[in-house]
Structures are given as structure tokens and as C-alpha cells.
Amino acid sequence: MPETAAGLAAALANLLDPRARRGVRHGLVVVVTAAVCAAVARYRSYTAIAEWVADVPDTTALALGIAPHRRPSKAMIRRLLQALDPDRLTTAVSGWLAARTAATSPAGRRAVAVDGKTMRGSRTTDTAARAAKPPSDHPAGTH
């Protein structure tokens, strides 16, 4: 399993597979792990997820448990994800993400959002982004 998806298969292991056993070519954990990796990479639609699965290098497909020459189709991914219990899937994925965050955050440090500190789109190849204006000390409505 690639280091970036470490522990995800174990987190998904308790999901119930809604499919009949007959004809299952791709394991539940394999397909959901690939879908989660695609979603983390900002591939959100079923089409985009299937494209991500189709385009990953063979070594990544093998690490995810997918045979490079036999990857899950868009229809199969869609049907499986739609049939899963959304609450159980959310619980499994959020638990995995929380564990990853706790494992990768240095002790005593926490993340701080800094959105709005630079002006979006003001950076060019020659110029650094401009800093946003600091908030005014004037009370609201007295400019």
C-alpha cells in the first residue's frame, strides 16, 4: 500500500459489501480505497474517479490491489459507491483521516488557517503576491 494511503484498507475493512458474491472481480476495499485516493486528489465525479483509476501508473494500481490490465469501470465504481451505507463510509474515512492527521502532526502543534493573507491572482511569474490590506481599526460603518 502506498505510504499516502497507509491504514485506509484497515479502516474500510468493516464496511459491508452490498454486492452478491457471484461475479465480483474487484474487492470492496480495493475499489473504495481507489475512490478515496481519487477524491483526495480532487477527482470528485464518478467519471473523474474512473479516469483517475484508469490513468494511475501500473505500480500504483498494483499497490492498491488493482490488476493493471483489469481496472474497475466507471459503472462498477458508481454502482458500488451508491450502494454503500453513506454513514458507515463517512465514519470509516473520517476515522482514517483523523488518525492520519494525528500521526503526521508534530506534538504540541496545530494547524492554523491563513486564507486571505495574500490576494488571490495577484502573483505573476515576475512578481510575488501582494499582501491583503490589514483590517481597519474603524468600527463598522465609520470609514
Protein backbone atom coordinates (compact mmCIF):
# COMPACT_ATOMS: atom_id res chain seq x y z
CA MET A 1 0.00 0.00 0.00
CA PRO A 2 1.42 3.42 -0.86
CA GLU A 3 2.50 5.40 2.16
CA THR A 4 -0.14 8.08 1.49
CA ALA A 5 -2.98 5.53 1.79
CA ALA A 6 -1.48 3.67 4.76
CA GLY A 7 -4.16 2.33 7.07
CA LEU A 8 -7.04 3.10 4.71
CA ALA A 9 -7.66 -0.55 3.84
CA ALA A 10 -7.88 -1.43 7.54
CA ALA A 11 -10.28 1.48 8.13
CA LEU A 12 -12.53 0.26 5.31
CA ALA A 13 -12.35 -3.44 6.26
CA ASN A 14 -15.56 -3.31 8.33
CA LEU A 15 -17.72 -1.95 5.51
CA LEU A 16 -20.40 -4.37 4.36
CA ASP A 17 -20.19 -5.28 0.68
CA PRO A 18 -23.69 -4.78 -0.79
CA ARG A 19 -22.90 -6.89 -3.87
CA ALA A 20 -23.71 -10.56 -4.42
CA ARG A 21 -20.55 -12.66 -4.20
CA ARG A 22 -21.00 -14.11 -7.66
CA GLY A 23 -19.14 -12.20 -10.34
CA VAL A 24 -17.23 -9.83 -8.02
CA ARG A 25 -13.94 -9.02 -9.76
CA HIS A 26 -12.74 -6.17 -7.56
CA GLY A 27 -12.83 -6.27 -3.78
CA LEU A 28 -14.84 -3.65 -1.92
CA VAL A 29 -11.81 -2.33 -0.04
CA VAL A 30 -9.79 -2.10 -3.27
CA VAL A 31 -12.43 -0.07 -5.12
CA VAL A 32 -13.28 2.20 -2.19
CA THR A 33 -9.59 2.80 -1.46
CA ALA A 34 -9.04 3.82 -5.08
CA ALA A 35 -12.11 6.08 -4.96
CA VAL A 36 -10.94 7.74 -1.74
CA CYS A 37 -7.46 8.30 -3.21
CA ALA A 38 -9.03 9.81 -6.32
CA ALA A 39 -11.30 12.05 -4.21
CA VAL A 40 -8.33 13.23 -2.12
CA ALA A 41 -6.64 14.11 -5.44
CA ARG A 42 -9.74 16.23 -6.24
CA TYR A 43 -11.37 13.80 -8.66
CA ARG A 44 -14.96 14.05 -7.43
CA SER A 45 -17.41 12.74 -10.05
CA TYR A 46 -17.81 9.07 -10.91
CA THR A 47 -16.35 9.81 -14.34
CA ALA A 48 -13.36 11.60 -12.83
CA ILE A 49 -12.76 8.82 -10.30
CA ALA A 50 -12.87 6.19 -13.06
CA GLU A 51 -10.45 8.28 -15.15
CA TRP A 52 -8.07 8.54 -12.18
CA VAL A 53 -8.22 4.76 -11.69
CA ALA A 54 -7.62 4.19 -15.42
CA ASP A 55 -4.70 6.65 -15.55
CA VAL A 56 -2.68 5.79 -12.43
CA PRO A 57 0.64 4.10 -13.14
CA ASP A 58 0.65 0.30 -13.05
CA THR A 59 2.76 0.33 -9.87
CA THR A 60 0.13 2.44 -8.09
CA ALA A 61 -2.68 0.20 -9.36
CA LEU A 62 -0.83 -2.87 -8.07
CA ALA A 63 -0.20 -1.19 -4.71
CA LEU A 64 -3.93 -0.51 -4.45
CA GLY A 65 -4.71 -4.13 -5.29
CA ILE A 66 -5.91 -3.49 -8.85
CA ALA A 67 -4.62 -5.60 -11.72
CA PRO A 68 -3.20 -3.06 -14.21
CA HIS A 69 -4.84 -4.83 -17.16
CA ARG A 70 -8.25 -5.15 -15.43
CA ARG A 71 -9.27 -1.93 -13.71
CA PRO A 72 -12.74 -1.18 -12.31
CA SER A 73 -15.11 0.54 -14.76
CA LYS A 74 -16.98 3.76 -14.15
CA ALA A 75 -20.31 1.90 -13.97
CA MET A 76 -18.96 -0.57 -11.42
CA ILE A 77 -17.44 2.20 -9.27
CA ARG A 78 -20.68 4.21 -9.41
CA ARG A 79 -22.93 1.25 -8.55
CA LEU A 80 -20.74 0.17 -5.65
CA LEU A 81 -20.35 3.63 -4.14
CA GLN A 82 -24.08 4.33 -4.46
CA ALA A 83 -24.94 1.02 -2.76
CA LEU A 84 -22.69 1.59 0.26
CA ASP A 85 -24.10 2.84 3.55
CA PRO A 86 -23.04 6.51 3.46
CA ASP A 87 -22.87 6.84 7.25
CA ARG A 88 -20.56 3.84 7.62
CA LEU A 89 -18.38 5.04 4.75
CA THR A 90 -18.16 8.54 6.23
CA THR A 91 -17.29 7.12 9.66
CA ALA A 92 -14.59 4.85 8.20
CA VAL A 93 -12.97 7.54 6.04
CA SER A 94 -13.15 10.28 8.68
CA GLY A 95 -11.64 7.96 11.27
CA TRP A 96 -8.78 7.20 8.88
CA LEU A 97 -8.25 10.90 8.12
CA ALA A 98 -8.29 11.79 11.83
CA ALA A 99 -5.72 9.08 12.56
CA ARG A 100 -3.51 10.31 9.69
CA THR A 101 -3.75 13.88 10.92
CA ALA A 102 -2.85 12.87 14.47
CA ALA A 103 0.04 10.70 13.25
CA THR A 104 1.54 13.37 11.00
CA SER A 105 1.09 16.42 13.25
CA PRO A 106 4.07 17.18 15.49
CA ALA A 107 3.21 17.04 19.19
CA GLY A 108 2.01 20.35 20.55
CA ARG A 109 1.44 21.91 17.13
CA ARG A 110 -1.84 22.56 15.43
CA ALA A 111 -2.87 23.83 12.03
CA VAL A 112 -3.92 27.44 11.58
CA ALA A 113 -5.85 28.59 8.51
CA VAL A 114 -4.29 31.60 6.82
CA ASP A 115 -6.75 32.20 4.00
CA GLY A 116 -6.90 35.80 2.83
CA LYS A 117 -3.32 36.66 3.77
CA THR A 118 -2.36 37.20 0.14
CA MET A 119 -4.52 38.40 -2.69
CA ARG A 120 -5.59 35.57 -4.95
CA GLY A 121 -4.42 36.02 -8.51
CA SER A 122 -2.02 38.88 -7.78
CA ARG A 123 1.09 36.74 -8.25
CA THR A 124 2.75 36.59 -11.65
CA THR A 125 5.90 34.89 -12.87
CA ASP A 126 7.84 38.10 -12.12
CA THR A 127 6.03 39.43 -9.05
CA ALA A 128 5.19 37.95 -5.65
CA ALA A 129 1.60 38.03 -4.42
CA ARG A 130 0.52 41.27 -2.77
CA ALA A 131 -0.40 41.13 0.90
CA ALA A 132 -4.03 41.77 1.70
CA LYS A 133 -4.80 45.02 3.50
CA PRO A 134 -4.95 44.59 7.27
CA PRO A 135 -8.41 45.01 8.80
CA SER A 136 -9.37 48.57 9.59
CA ASP A 137 -9.44 49.74 13.21
CA HIS A 138 -12.59 51.74 12.49
CA PRO A 139 -15.88 50.41 13.81
CA ALA A 140 -18.25 49.16 11.15
CA GLY A 141 -19.89 51.94 9.15
CA THR A 142 -17.48 54.77 10.19
CA HIS A 143 -14.98 54.87 7.34
